[in-house]
Each structure stands twice: as structure tokens, then as C-alpha cells.
């Protein structure tokens, strides 16, 4: 399979977590990140339960990132608007 290089800037604490997880798995960082991305993409086209779990994971990550900005919640969507529940 042909491969290509992707570059991304991530917070240092996330980089450390990824390095540690790759080391625990006995993998290179590139192989670990590739596996994580492949699993995410498989979940994106998987069963409804997998797609929902993926959406919740991404929503939680986005929420945590957003909360660190200190922005107001005024006018923000609630989870029922996001997920249509």
C-alpha cells in the first residue's frame, strides 16, 4: 500500500500522551497514529452504534477544547441540537 506523510500541530500534552500510548503498544508514533486514524474512519462508516460512539468522542474532545477558550456558552447548541435527539 502506498503511503503519504501528514503533518499536524497538536498540544504538547496530547503529543506526550500519543508518544506514551505508542510506546506501551510497542509501536512507532507513525504506526500508532495511522492505526488510530484507520479505526476512526472505520467507525465513521460502521454500525449506527459505532457512528454514535465516534460522534460522542469527537463532541467531547471539541467541548473540552472549546471550554479552555473561556468563551461564553450563550447561543451555543445543546447536545439534542447537535445529535437530533
N, C-alpha and C. Protein backbone atom coordinates (compact mmCIF):
# COMPACT_ATOMS: atom_id res chain seq x y z
N UNK A 1 0.84 -1.17 0.00
CA UNK A 1 0.00 0.00 0.00
C UNK A 1 0.89 1.24 0.00
N UNK A 2 0.55 2.19 -0.87
CA UNK A 2 1.30 3.44 -0.90
C UNK A 2 0.99 4.25 0.35
N UNK A 3 1.96 4.99 0.81
CA UNK A 3 1.75 5.82 1.99
C UNK A 3 2.10 7.26 1.65
N UNK A 4 1.60 8.16 2.44
CA UNK A 4 1.92 9.57 2.30
C UNK A 4 2.13 10.15 3.69
N UNK A 5 2.77 11.27 3.76
CA UNK A 5 3.06 11.89 5.05
C UNK A 5 2.02 12.96 5.34
N UNK A 6 1.52 12.96 6.57
CA UNK A 6 0.64 14.01 7.07
C UNK A 6 1.36 14.70 8.21
N UNK A 7 1.18 16.00 8.31
CA UNK A 7 1.77 16.76 9.41
C UNK A 7 0.65 17.46 10.15
N UNK A 8 0.76 17.49 11.46
CA UNK A 8 -0.25 18.18 12.27
C UNK A 8 0.42 18.78 13.49
N UNK A 9 -0.07 19.91 13.90
CA UNK A 9 0.38 20.52 15.15
C UNK A 9 -0.64 20.17 16.22
N UNK A 10 -0.15 19.64 17.32
CA UNK A 10 -1.03 19.24 18.42
C UNK A 10 -0.47 19.81 19.72
N UNK A 11 -1.32 19.99 20.72
CA UNK A 11 -0.81 20.46 22.00
C UNK A 11 0.24 19.49 22.55
N UNK A 12 1.21 20.03 23.27
CA UNK A 12 2.31 19.21 23.79
C UNK A 12 1.81 18.08 24.68
N UNK A 13 0.79 18.35 25.50
CA UNK A 13 0.29 17.28 26.38
C UNK A 13 -0.31 16.14 25.57
N UNK A 14 -0.99 16.45 24.46
CA UNK A 14 -1.51 15.39 23.60
C UNK A 14 -0.37 14.62 22.94
N UNK A 15 0.64 15.33 22.50
CA UNK A 15 1.80 14.67 21.89
C UNK A 15 2.45 13.69 22.87
N UNK A 16 2.57 14.11 24.13
CA UNK A 16 3.14 13.21 25.14
C UNK A 16 2.26 11.98 25.37
N UNK A 17 0.96 12.18 25.39
CA UNK A 17 0.04 11.05 25.57
C UNK A 17 0.16 10.07 24.40
N UNK A 18 0.27 10.61 23.18
CA UNK A 18 0.40 9.76 22.00
C UNK A 18 1.73 9.01 22.02
N UNK A 19 2.81 9.71 22.37
CA UNK A 19 4.11 9.04 22.47
C UNK A 19 4.07 7.90 23.48
N UNK A 20 3.45 8.16 24.63
CA UNK A 20 3.37 7.14 25.68
C UNK A 20 2.50 5.96 25.23
N UNK A 21 1.37 6.25 24.58
CA UNK A 21 0.49 5.17 24.12
C UNK A 21 1.18 4.32 23.06
N UNK A 22 1.90 4.97 22.16
CA UNK A 22 2.63 4.22 21.13
C UNK A 22 3.70 3.34 21.77
N UNK A 23 4.40 3.88 22.74
CA UNK A 23 5.44 3.10 23.42
C UNK A 23 4.83 1.89 24.15
N UNK A 24 3.70 2.11 24.83
CA UNK A 24 3.04 0.99 25.52
C UNK A 24 2.60 -0.09 24.54
N UNK A 25 2.21 0.33 23.35
CA UNK A 25 1.77 -0.62 22.33
C UNK A 25 2.94 -1.23 21.56
N UNK A 26 4.15 -0.75 21.83
CA UNK A 26 5.32 -1.25 21.12
C UNK A 26 5.33 -0.83 19.65
N UNK A 27 4.79 0.34 19.38
CA UNK A 27 4.65 0.82 18.00
C UNK A 27 5.39 2.13 17.81
N UNK A 28 5.72 2.42 16.57
CA UNK A 28 6.23 3.76 16.27
C UNK A 28 5.06 4.73 16.38
N UNK A 29 5.38 6.00 16.56
CA UNK A 29 4.32 7.00 16.64
C UNK A 29 3.54 7.03 15.33
N UNK A 30 4.23 6.95 14.21
CA UNK A 30 3.55 6.96 12.91
C UNK A 30 2.58 5.81 12.75
N UNK A 31 3.02 4.60 13.13
CA UNK A 31 2.14 3.44 13.02
C UNK A 31 0.96 3.55 13.97
N UNK A 32 1.21 4.05 15.19
CA UNK A 32 0.14 4.21 16.17
C UNK A 32 -0.91 5.21 15.66
N UNK A 33 -0.46 6.37 15.21
CA UNK A 33 -1.38 7.38 14.71
C UNK A 33 -2.14 6.87 13.49
N UNK A 34 -1.46 6.15 12.61
CA UNK A 34 -2.11 5.57 11.45
C UNK A 34 -3.22 4.61 11.86
N UNK A 35 -2.96 3.77 12.86
CA UNK A 35 -3.98 2.84 13.35
C UNK A 35 -5.16 3.57 13.98
N UNK A 36 -4.88 4.62 14.74
CA UNK A 36 -5.95 5.40 15.37
C UNK A 36 -6.83 6.05 14.30
N UNK A 37 -6.20 6.63 13.28
CA UNK A 37 -6.97 7.25 12.20
C UNK A 37 -7.77 6.22 11.42
N UNK A 38 -7.18 5.05 11.16
CA UNK A 38 -7.90 3.99 10.44
C UNK A 38 -9.11 3.52 11.25
N UNK A 39 -8.95 3.37 12.55
CA UNK A 39 -10.07 2.96 13.41
C UNK A 39 -11.17 4.01 13.41
N UNK A 40 -10.79 5.28 13.45
CA UNK A 40 -11.78 6.36 13.42
C UNK A 40 -12.55 6.33 12.11
N UNK A 41 -11.86 6.15 11.01
CA UNK A 41 -12.53 6.12 9.72
C UNK A 41 -13.42 4.88 9.57
N UNK A 42 -12.99 3.76 10.13
CA UNK A 42 -13.83 2.55 10.10
C UNK A 42 -15.10 2.78 10.91
N UNK A 43 -14.98 3.45 12.05
CA UNK A 43 -16.15 3.75 12.88
C UNK A 43 -17.09 4.70 12.16
N UNK A 44 -16.54 5.61 11.36
CA UNK A 44 -17.36 6.58 10.64
C UNK A 44 -18.31 5.91 9.66
N UNK A 45 -17.93 4.77 9.16
CA UNK A 45 -18.79 4.07 8.20
C UNK A 45 -19.30 2.75 8.77
N UNK A 46 -19.20 2.60 10.08
CA UNK A 46 -19.62 1.36 10.73
C UNK A 46 -21.09 1.37 11.11
N UNK A 47 -21.40 0.55 12.07
CA UNK A 47 -22.78 0.42 12.55
C UNK A 47 -23.25 1.72 13.17
N UNK A 48 -24.56 1.88 13.32
CA UNK A 48 -25.06 3.08 13.99
C UNK A 48 -24.44 3.27 15.38
N UNK A 49 -24.24 2.19 16.11
CA UNK A 49 -23.65 2.31 17.45
C UNK A 49 -22.22 2.84 17.37
N UNK A 50 -21.45 2.35 16.41
CA UNK A 50 -20.07 2.84 16.24
C UNK A 50 -20.07 4.30 15.82
N UNK A 51 -20.96 4.67 14.91
CA UNK A 51 -21.02 6.07 14.46
C UNK A 51 -21.41 6.99 15.61
N UNK A 52 -22.35 6.54 16.45
CA UNK A 52 -22.76 7.36 17.59
C UNK A 52 -21.62 7.50 18.60
N UNK A 53 -20.92 6.40 18.88
CA UNK A 53 -19.79 6.46 19.81
C UNK A 53 -18.71 7.39 19.28
N UNK A 54 -18.46 7.33 17.98
CA UNK A 54 -17.46 8.20 17.36
C UNK A 54 -17.88 9.66 17.48
N UNK A 55 -19.14 9.95 17.19
CA UNK A 55 -19.64 11.31 17.28
C UNK A 55 -19.53 11.85 18.70
N UNK A 56 -19.86 11.01 19.68
CA UNK A 56 -19.76 11.44 21.07
C UNK A 56 -18.32 11.71 21.46
N UNK A 57 -17.40 10.87 20.99
CA UNK A 57 -15.99 11.07 21.29
C UNK A 57 -15.49 12.38 20.70
N UNK A 58 -15.86 12.64 19.45
CA UNK A 58 -15.43 13.88 18.81
C UNK A 58 -16.08 15.10 19.47
N UNK A 59 -17.35 14.97 19.86
CA UNK A 59 -18.03 16.07 20.52
C UNK A 59 -17.38 16.39 21.86
N UNK A 60 -17.03 15.35 22.61
CA UNK A 60 -16.39 15.57 23.91
C UNK A 60 -15.03 16.25 23.74
N UNK A 61 -14.26 15.81 22.76
CA UNK A 61 -12.95 16.43 22.52
C UNK A 61 -13.11 17.89 22.12
N UNK A 62 -14.09 18.17 21.26
CA UNK A 62 -14.33 19.55 20.83
C UNK A 62 -14.81 20.40 22.00
N UNK A 63 -15.65 19.82 22.85
CA UNK A 63 -16.16 20.55 24.01
C UNK A 63 -15.03 20.90 24.97
N UNK A 64 -14.16 19.93 25.24
CA UNK A 64 -13.04 20.19 26.14
C UNK A 64 -12.13 21.28 25.57
N UNK A 65 -11.89 21.23 24.28
CA UNK A 65 -11.05 22.25 23.64
C UNK A 65 -11.74 23.62 23.72
N UNK A 66 -13.04 23.64 23.46
CA UNK A 66 -13.79 24.88 23.50
C UNK A 66 -13.81 25.47 24.90
N UNK A 67 -13.98 24.62 25.93
CA UNK A 67 -14.04 25.11 27.31
C UNK A 67 -12.75 25.80 27.72
N UNK A 68 -11.63 25.38 27.16
CA UNK A 68 -10.35 26.00 27.52
C UNK A 68 -10.23 27.42 26.97
N UNK A 69 -11.08 27.78 26.01
CA UNK A 69 -11.03 29.13 25.44
C UNK A 69 -11.69 30.16 26.34
N UNK A 70 -12.56 29.70 27.26
CA UNK A 70 -13.26 30.61 28.15
C UNK A 70 -14.37 31.39 27.48
N UNK A 71 -14.79 30.95 26.28
CA UNK A 71 -15.86 31.64 25.58
C UNK A 71 -17.21 31.40 26.26
N UNK A 72 -18.12 32.32 26.07
CA UNK A 72 -19.46 32.22 26.63
C UNK A 72 -20.22 31.07 25.96
N UNK A 73 -21.12 30.46 26.74
CA UNK A 73 -21.97 29.41 26.20
C UNK A 73 -23.23 29.99 25.56
N UNK A 74 -23.42 31.30 25.66
CA UNK A 74 -24.61 31.92 25.10
C UNK A 74 -24.69 31.67 23.60
N UNK A 75 -25.84 31.18 23.16
CA UNK A 75 -26.07 30.91 21.75
C UNK A 75 -25.50 29.59 21.26
N UNK A 76 -24.85 28.83 22.15
CA UNK A 76 -24.27 27.54 21.74
C UNK A 76 -25.37 26.51 21.58
N UNK A 77 -25.14 25.55 20.70
CA UNK A 77 -26.08 24.45 20.51
C UNK A 77 -26.01 23.49 21.69
N UNK A 78 -27.14 22.91 22.05
CA UNK A 78 -27.09 21.86 23.07
C UNK A 78 -26.99 20.51 22.35
N UNK A 79 -26.75 19.46 23.12
CA UNK A 79 -26.48 18.15 22.53
C UNK A 79 -27.66 17.63 21.72
N UNK A 80 -28.90 17.96 22.10
CA UNK A 80 -30.04 17.49 21.32
C UNK A 80 -30.05 18.14 19.94
N UNK A 81 -29.59 19.38 19.86
CA UNK A 81 -29.49 20.04 18.55
C UNK A 81 -28.37 19.42 17.72
N UNK A 82 -27.29 19.08 18.37
CA UNK A 82 -26.15 18.50 17.66
C UNK A 82 -26.49 17.12 17.13
N UNK A 83 -27.10 16.28 17.98
CA UNK A 83 -27.35 14.89 17.62
C UNK A 83 -28.78 14.62 17.17
N UNK A 84 -29.64 15.64 17.19
CA UNK A 84 -31.00 15.47 16.73
C UNK A 84 -31.83 14.53 17.59
N UNK A 85 -31.57 14.51 18.90
CA UNK A 85 -32.32 13.63 19.80
C UNK A 85 -33.41 14.37 20.51
